Structure formats: C-alpha cells, structure tokens
PDB file of N, CA and C in Angstrom:
ATOM      1  N   UNK A   1     237.183  16.270 129.652  1.00  0.00           N
ATOM      2  CA  UNK A   1     237.357  17.692 129.856  1.00  0.00           C
ATOM      3  C   UNK A   1     237.960  18.284 128.577  1.00  0.00           C
ATOM      4  N   UNK A   2     237.385  19.377 128.115  1.00  0.00           N
ATOM      5  CA  UNK A   2     237.854  19.990 126.877  1.00  0.00           C
ATOM      6  C   UNK A   2     239.142  20.772 127.123  1.00  0.00           C
ATOM      7  N   UNK A   3     239.800  21.135 126.037  1.00  0.00           N
ATOM      8  CA  UNK A   3     241.030  21.922 126.133  1.00  0.00           C
ATOM      9  C   UNK A   3     240.761  23.272 126.789  1.00  0.00           C
ATOM     10  N   UNK A   4     239.626  23.874 126.483  1.00  0.00           N
ATOM     11  CA  UNK A   4     239.273  25.170 127.083  1.00  0.00           C
ATOM     12  C   UNK A   4     239.069  25.035 128.587  1.00  0.00           C
ATOM     13  N   UNK A   5     238.447  23.939 129.003  1.00  0.00           N
ATOM     14  CA  UNK A   5     238.234  23.708 130.437  1.00  0.00           C
ATOM     15  C   UNK A   5     239.555  23.475 131.159  1.00  0.00           C
ATOM     16  N   UNK A   6     240.456  22.737 130.522  1.00  0.00           N
ATOM     17  CA  UNK A   6     241.773  22.509 131.112  1.00  0.00           C
ATOM     18  C   UNK A   6     242.542  23.816 131.240  1.00  0.00           C
ATOM     19  N   UNK A   7     242.440  24.665 130.239  1.00  0.00           N
ATOM     20  CA  UNK A   7     243.112  25.969 130.278  1.00  0.00           C
ATOM     21  C   UNK A   7     242.580  26.805 131.435  1.00  0.00           C
ATOM     22  N   UNK A   8     241.271  26.789 131.647  1.00  0.00           N
ATOM     23  CA  UNK A   8     240.658  27.542 132.744  1.00  0.00           C
ATOM     24  C   UNK A   8     241.150  27.029 134.091  1.00  0.00           C
ATOM     25  N   UNK A   9     241.234  25.718 134.240  1.00  0.00           N
ATOM     26  CA  UNK A   9     241.722  25.126 135.489  1.00  0.00           C
ATOM     27  C   UNK A   9     243.161  25.544 135.727  1.00  0.00           C
ATOM     28  N   UNK A  10     243.999  25.495 134.691  1.00  0.00           N
ATOM     29  CA  UNK A  10     245.406  25.865 134.815  1.00  0.00           C
ATOM     30  C   UNK A  10     245.547  27.328 135.203  1.00  0.00           C
ATOM     31  N   UNK A  11     244.799  28.212 134.550  1.00  0.00           N
ATOM     32  CA  UNK A  11     244.867  29.639 134.848  1.00  0.00           C
ATOM     33  C   UNK A  11     244.419  29.895 136.282  1.00  0.00           C
ATOM     34  N   UNK A  12     243.358  29.251 136.702  1.00  0.00           N
ATOM     35  CA  UNK A  12     242.866  29.424 138.067  1.00  0.00           C
ATOM     36  C   UNK A  12     243.912  28.985 139.084  1.00  0.00           C
ATOM     37  N   UNK A  13     244.575  27.878 138.818  1.00  0.00           N
ATOM     38  CA  UNK A  13     245.612  27.384 139.724  1.00  0.00           C
ATOM     39  C   UNK A  13     246.786  28.360 139.764  1.00  0.00           C
ATOM     40  N   UNK A  14     247.178  28.877 138.617  1.00  0.00           N
ATOM     41  CA  UNK A  14     248.274  29.854 138.574  1.00  0.00           C
ATOM     42  C   UNK A  14     247.885  31.121 139.333  1.00  0.00           C
ATOM     43  N   UNK A  15     246.646  31.547 139.207  1.00  0.00           N
ATOM     44  CA  UNK A  15     246.168  32.721 139.951  1.00  0.00           C
ATOM     45  C   UNK A  15     246.274  32.487 141.451  1.00  0.00           C
ATOM     46  N   UNK A  16     245.877  31.309 141.890  1.00  0.00           N
ATOM     47  CA  UNK A  16     245.945  30.991 143.325  1.00  0.00           C
ATOM     48  C   UNK A  16     247.390  30.976 143.815  1.00  0.00           C
ATOM     49  N   UNK A  17     248.274  30.429 143.006  1.00  0.00           N
ATOM     50  CA  UNK A  17     249.689  30.385 143.381  1.00  0.00           C
ATOM     51  C   UNK A  17     250.251  31.797 143.475  1.00  0.00           C
ATOM     52  N   UNK A  18     249.941  32.647 142.501  1.00  0.00           N
ATOM     53  CA  UNK A  18     250.434  34.024 142.528  1.00  0.00           C
ATOM     54  C   UNK A  18     249.859  34.797 143.708  1.00  0.00           C
ATOM     55  N   UNK A  19     248.605  34.573 144.042  1.00  0.00           N
ATOM     56  CA  UNK A  19     248.008  35.236 145.207  1.00  0.00           C
ATOM     57  C   UNK A  19     248.717  34.807 146.488  1.00  0.00           C
ATOM     58  N   UNK A  20     248.995  33.523 146.602  1.00  0.00           N
ATOM     59  CA  UNK A  20     249.689  33.014 147.780  1.00  0.00           C
ATOM     60  C   UNK A  20     251.099  33.602 147.868  1.00  0.00           C
ATOM     61  N   UNK A  21     251.812  33.621 146.733  1.00  0.00           N
ATOM     62  CA  UNK A  21     253.158  34.206 146.720  1.00  0.00           C
ATOM     63  C   UNK A  21     253.101  35.677 147.126  1.00  0.00           C
ATOM     64  N   UNK A  22     252.120  36.403 146.605  1.00  0.00           N
ATOM     65  CA  UNK A  22     251.958  37.822 146.931  1.00  0.00           C
ATOM     66  C   UNK A  22     251.762  37.999 148.433  1.00  0.00           C
ATOM     67  N   UNK A  23     250.914  37.189 149.028  1.00  0.00           N
ATOM     68  CA  UNK A  23     250.665  37.276 150.473  1.00  0.00           C
ATOM     69  C   UNK A  23     251.928  36.985 151.273  1.00  0.00           C
ATOM     70  N   UNK A  24     252.668  35.969 150.879  1.00  0.00           N
ATOM     71  CA  UNK A  24     253.899  35.613 151.586  1.00  0.00           C
ATOM     72  C   UNK A  24     254.948  36.716 151.469  1.00  0.00           C
ATOM     73  N   UNK A  25     255.035  37.321 150.307  1.00  0.00           N
ATOM     74  CA  UNK A  25     256.009  38.394 150.106  1.00  0.00           C
ATOM     75  C   UNK A  25     255.642  39.632 150.915  1.00  0.00           C
ATOM     76  N   UNK A  26     254.368  39.963 150.970  1.00  0.00           N
ATOM     77  CA  UNK A  26     253.935  41.089 151.806  1.00  0.00           C
ATOM     78  C   UNK A  26     254.201  40.782 153.276  1.00  0.00           C
ATOM     79  N   UNK A  27     253.927  39.573 153.689  1.00  0.00           N
ATOM     80  CA  UNK A  27     254.169  39.170 155.075  1.00  0.00           C
ATOM     81  C   UNK A  27     255.657  39.307 155.417  1.00  0.00           C
ATOM     82  N   UNK A  28     256.516  39.072 154.426  1.00  0.00           N
ATOM     83  CA  UNK A  28     257.961  39.172 154.637  1.00  0.00           C
ATOM     84  C   UNK A  28     258.439  40.619 154.715  1.00  0.00           C
ATOM     85  N   UNK A  29     257.594  41.569 154.256  1.00  0.00           N
ATOM     86  CA  UNK A  29     257.972  42.971 154.355  1.00  0.00           C
ATOM     87  C   UNK A  29     257.995  43.749 153.056  1.00  0.00           C
ATOM     88  N   UNK A  30     257.695  43.090 151.946  1.00  0.00           N
ATOM     89  CA  UNK A  30     257.642  43.801 150.672  1.00  0.00           C
ATOM     90  C   UNK A  30     256.374  44.644 150.611  1.00  0.00           C
ATOM     91  N   UNK A  31     256.477  45.806 149.957  1.00  0.00           N
ATOM     92  CA  UNK A  31     255.282  46.621 149.749  1.00  0.00           C
ATOM     93  C   UNK A  31     254.397  45.915 148.717  1.00  0.00           C
ATOM     94  N   UNK A  32     253.111  46.248 148.668  1.00  0.00           N
ATOM     95  CA  UNK A  32     252.185  45.526 147.776  1.00  0.00           C
ATOM     96  C   UNK A  32     252.611  45.510 146.306  1.00  0.00           C
ATOM     97  N   UNK A  33     253.113  46.624 145.798  1.00  0.00           N
ATOM     98  CA  UNK A  33     253.502  46.675 144.383  1.00  0.00           C
ATOM     99  C   UNK A  33     254.706  45.774 144.106  1.00  0.00           C
ATOM    100  N   UNK A  34     255.714  45.831 144.952  1.00  0.00           N
ATOM    101  CA  UNK A  34     256.896  44.982 144.773  1.00  0.00           C
ATOM    102  C   UNK A  34     256.529  43.514 144.921  1.00  0.00           C
ATOM    103  N   UNK A  35     255.670  43.218 145.884  1.00  0.00           N
ATOM    104  CA  UNK A  35     255.230  41.838 146.088  1.00  0.00           C
ATOM    105  C   UNK A  35     254.500  41.316 144.856  1.00  0.00           C
ATOM    106  N   UNK A  36     253.703  42.167 144.228  1.00  0.00           N
ATOM    107  CA  UNK A  36     252.968  41.771 143.027  1.00  0.00           C
ATOM    108  C   UNK A  36     253.924  41.444 141.883  1.00  0.00           C
ATOM    109  N   UNK A  37     254.931  42.286 141.697  1.00  0.00           N
ATOM    110  CA  UNK A  37     255.921  42.057 140.637  1.00  0.00           C
ATOM    111  C   UNK A  37     256.656  40.741 140.878  1.00  0.00           C
ATOM    112  N   UNK A  38     257.104  40.528 142.106  1.00  0.00           N
ATOM    113  CA  UNK A  38     257.836  39.301 142.420  1.00  0.00           C
ATOM    114  C   UNK A  38     256.942  38.069 142.335  1.00  0.00           C
ATOM    115  N   UNK A  39     255.713  38.188 142.794  1.00  0.00           N
ATOM    116  CA  UNK A  39     254.787  37.048 142.760  1.00  0.00           C
ATOM    117  C   UNK A  39     254.511  36.596 141.334  1.00  0.00           C
ATOM    118  N   UNK A  40     254.450  37.541 140.422  1.00  0.00           N
ATOM    119  CA  UNK A  40     254.165  37.222 139.019  1.00  0.00           C
ATOM    120  C   UNK A  40     255.408  36.744 138.273  1.00  0.00           C
ATOM    121  N   UNK A  41     256.571  36.920 138.870  1.00  0.00           N
ATOM    122  CA  UNK A  41     257.829  36.483 138.251  1.00  0.00           C
ATOM    123  C   UNK A  41     258.120  35.065 138.723  1.00  0.00           C
ATOM    124  N   UNK A  42     257.701  34.101 137.955  1.00  0.00           N
ATOM    125  CA  UNK A  42     257.764  32.705 138.374  1.00  0.00           C
ATOM    126  C   UNK A  42     259.181  32.177 138.481  1.00  0.00           C
ATOM    127  N   UNK A  43     260.139  32.865 137.886  1.00  0.00           N
ATOM    128  CA  UNK A  43     261.524  32.428 137.993  1.00  0.00           C
ATOM    129  C   UNK A  43     262.194  32.931 139.269  1.00  0.00           C
ATOM    130  N   UNK A  44     261.500  33.782 140.032  1.00  0.00           N
ATOM    131  CA  UNK A  44     262.034  34.285 141.298  1.00  0.00           C
ATOM    132  C   UNK A  44     261.739  33.268 142.397  1.00  0.00           C
ATOM    133  N   UNK A  45     262.787  32.859 143.094  1.00  0.00           N
ATOM    134  CA  UNK A  45     262.645  31.911 144.198  1.00  0.00           C
ATOM    135  C   UNK A  45     262.027  32.625 145.397  1.00  0.00           C
ATOM    136  N   UNK A  46     260.855  32.179 145.806  1.00  0.00           N
ATOM    137  CA  UNK A  46     260.136  32.803 146.915  1.00  0.00           C
ATOM    138  C   UNK A  46     260.962  32.781 148.194  1.00  0.00           C
ATOM    139  N   UNK A  47     261.603  31.654 148.476  1.00  0.00           N
ATOM    140  CA  UNK A  47     262.390  31.540 149.704  1.00  0.00           C
ATOM    141  C   UNK A  47     263.578  32.496 149.690  1.00  0.00           C
ATOM    142  N   UNK A  48     264.199  32.673 148.552  1.00  0.00           N
ATOM    143  CA  UNK A  48     265.313  33.619 148.451  1.00  0.00           C
ATOM    144  C   UNK A  48     264.820  35.043 148.682  1.00  0.00           C
ATOM    145  N   UNK A  49     263.657  35.371 148.124  1.00  0.00           N
ATOM    146  CA  UNK A  49     263.096  36.714 148.291  1.00  0.00           C
ATOM    147  C   UNK A  49     262.773  36.993 149.752  1.00  0.00           C
ATOM    148  N   UNK A  50     262.182  36.030 150.427  1.00  0.00           N
ATOM    149  CA  UNK A  50     261.843  36.192 151.843  1.00  0.00           C
ATOM    150  C   UNK A  50     263.119  36.275 152.674  1.00  0.00           C
ATOM    151  N   UNK A  51     264.097  35.449 152.347  1.00  0.00           N
ATOM    152  CA  UNK A  51     265.356  35.429 153.092  1.00  0.00           C
ATOM    153  C   UNK A  51     266.091  36.765 152.997  1.00  0.00           C
ATOM    154  N   UNK A  52     266.052  37.397 151.835  1.00  0.00           N
ATOM    155  CA  UNK A  52     266.698  38.704 151.694  1.00  0.00           C
ATOM    156  C   UNK A  52     266.106  39.712 152.673  1.00  0.00           C
ATOM    157  N   UNK A  53     264.795  39.693 152.815  1.00  0.00           N
ATOM    158  CA  UNK A  53     264.145  40.624 153.742  1.00  0.00           C
ATOM    159  C   UNK A  53     264.501  40.284 155.189  1.00  0.00           C
ATOM    160  N   UNK A  54     264.560  39.002 155.514  1.00  0.00           N
ATOM    161  CA  UNK A  54     264.917  38.584 156.874  1.00  0.00           C
ATOM    162  C   UNK A  54     266.325  39.036 157.241  1.00  0.00           C
ATOM    163  N   UNK A  55     267.201  39.125 156.234  1.00  0.00           N
ATOM    164  CA  UNK A  55     268.588  39.521 156.475  1.00  0.00           C
ATOM    165  C   UNK A  55     268.777  41.036 156.461  1.00  0.00           C
ATOM    166  N   UNK A  56     267.665  41.777 156.307  1.00  0.00           N
ATOM    167  CA  UNK A  56     267.736  43.228 156.382  1.00  0.00           C
ATOM    168  C   UNK A  56     267.973  43.938 155.064  1.00  0.00           C
ATOM    169  N   UNK A  57     267.844  43.237 153.974  1.00  0.00           N
ATOM    170  CA  UNK A  57     268.034  43.836 152.652  1.00  0.00           C
ATOM    171  C   UNK A  57     266.900  44.826 152.376  1.00  0.00           C
ATOM    172  N   UNK A  58     267.229  45.940 151.750  1.00  0.00           N
ATOM    173  CA  UNK A  58     266.180  46.892 151.368  1.00  0.00           C
ATOM    174  C   UNK A  58     265.366  46.310 150.211  1.00  0.00           C
ATOM    175  N   UNK A  59     264.163  46.789 150.063  1.00  0.00           N
ATOM    176  CA  UNK A  59     263.304  46.309 148.979  1.00  0.00           C
ATOM    177  C   UNK A  59     263.937  46.609 147.625  1.00  0.00           C
ATOM    178  N   UNK A  60     264.468  47.820 147.465  1.00  0.00           N
ATOM    179  CA  UNK A  60     265.073  48.185 146.179  1.00  0.00           C
ATOM    180  C   UNK A  60     266.230  47.261 145.819  1.00  0.00           C
ATOM    181  N   UNK A  61     267.100  46.985 146.787  1.00  0.00           N
ATOM    182  CA  UNK A  61     268.234  46.102 146.521  1.00  0.00           C
ATOM    183  C   UNK A  61     267.755  44.676 146.260  1.00  0.00           C
ATOM    184  N   UNK A  62     266.784  44.218 147.019  1.00  0.00           N
ATOM    185  CA  UNK A  62     266.245  42.870 146.809  1.00  0.00           C
ATOM    186  C   UNK A  62     265.685  42.727 145.392  1.00  0.00           C
ATOM    187  N   UNK A  63     264.966  43.741 144.932  1.00  0.00           N
ATOM    188  CA  UNK A  63     264.420  43.695 143.569  1.00  0.00           C
ATOM    189  C   UNK A  63     265.537  43.648 142.536  1.00  0.00           C
ATOM    190  N   UNK A  64     266.607  44.412 142.756  1.00  0.00           N
ATOM    191  CA  UNK A  64     267.740  44.388 141.820  1.00  0.00           C
ATOM    192  C   UNK A  64     268.380  43.006 141.785  1.00  0.00           C
ATOM    193  N   UNK A  65     268.513  42.386 142.936  1.00  0.00           N
ATOM    194  CA  UNK A  65     269.124  41.057 143.016  1.00  0.00           C
ATOM    195  C   UNK A  65     268.231  40.005 142.361  1.00  0.00           C
ATOM    196  N   UNK A  66     266.949  40.062 142.667  1.00  0.00           N
ATOM    197  CA  UNK A  66     266.029  39.005 142.236  1.00  0.00           C
ATOM    198  C   UNK A  66     265.573  39.126 140.786  1.00  0.00           C
ATOM    199  N   UNK A  67     265.487  40.359 140.308  1.00  0.00           N
ATOM    200  CA  UNK A  67     264.991  40.557 138.941  1.00  0.00           C
ATOM    201  C   UNK A  67     266.146  40.831 138.012  1.00  0.00           C
TER     202      UNK A  67
END
C-alpha cells in the first residue's frame, strides 16, 4: 500500500470517528453546530462532554469548560 493510500485510509477513519462523535454529541443534547465543533476537537473527552449535558449544564457553559 502506498503512502497516499495509507493517508486516504487514515483520513477516512478520522472522518468516521468525527461523524460518530458528532452523532453522540447531538444525541446528548448539543445543537448541530456545537456538536460539530466538539467532534472535531480531538482533545475533548466525549464522555465528559456528554456527562456535562446529563448533569444539566448549558451548551454555552459546556463549551467554555471543554474548549
């Protein structure tokens, strides 16, 4: 497999992971735009983001905490 092919596989896998994170964040209660920002921020812990929403945190405050 060439380096270009490996890069394509890696990018595709990252896209799938970000899509999954986006879906989970929306399911937790984040609006689509906020979920997209958080999903693309790989240093944001998905479980922490979901937990904040479960505890009643507002989206704005959750974004301030997580980002």
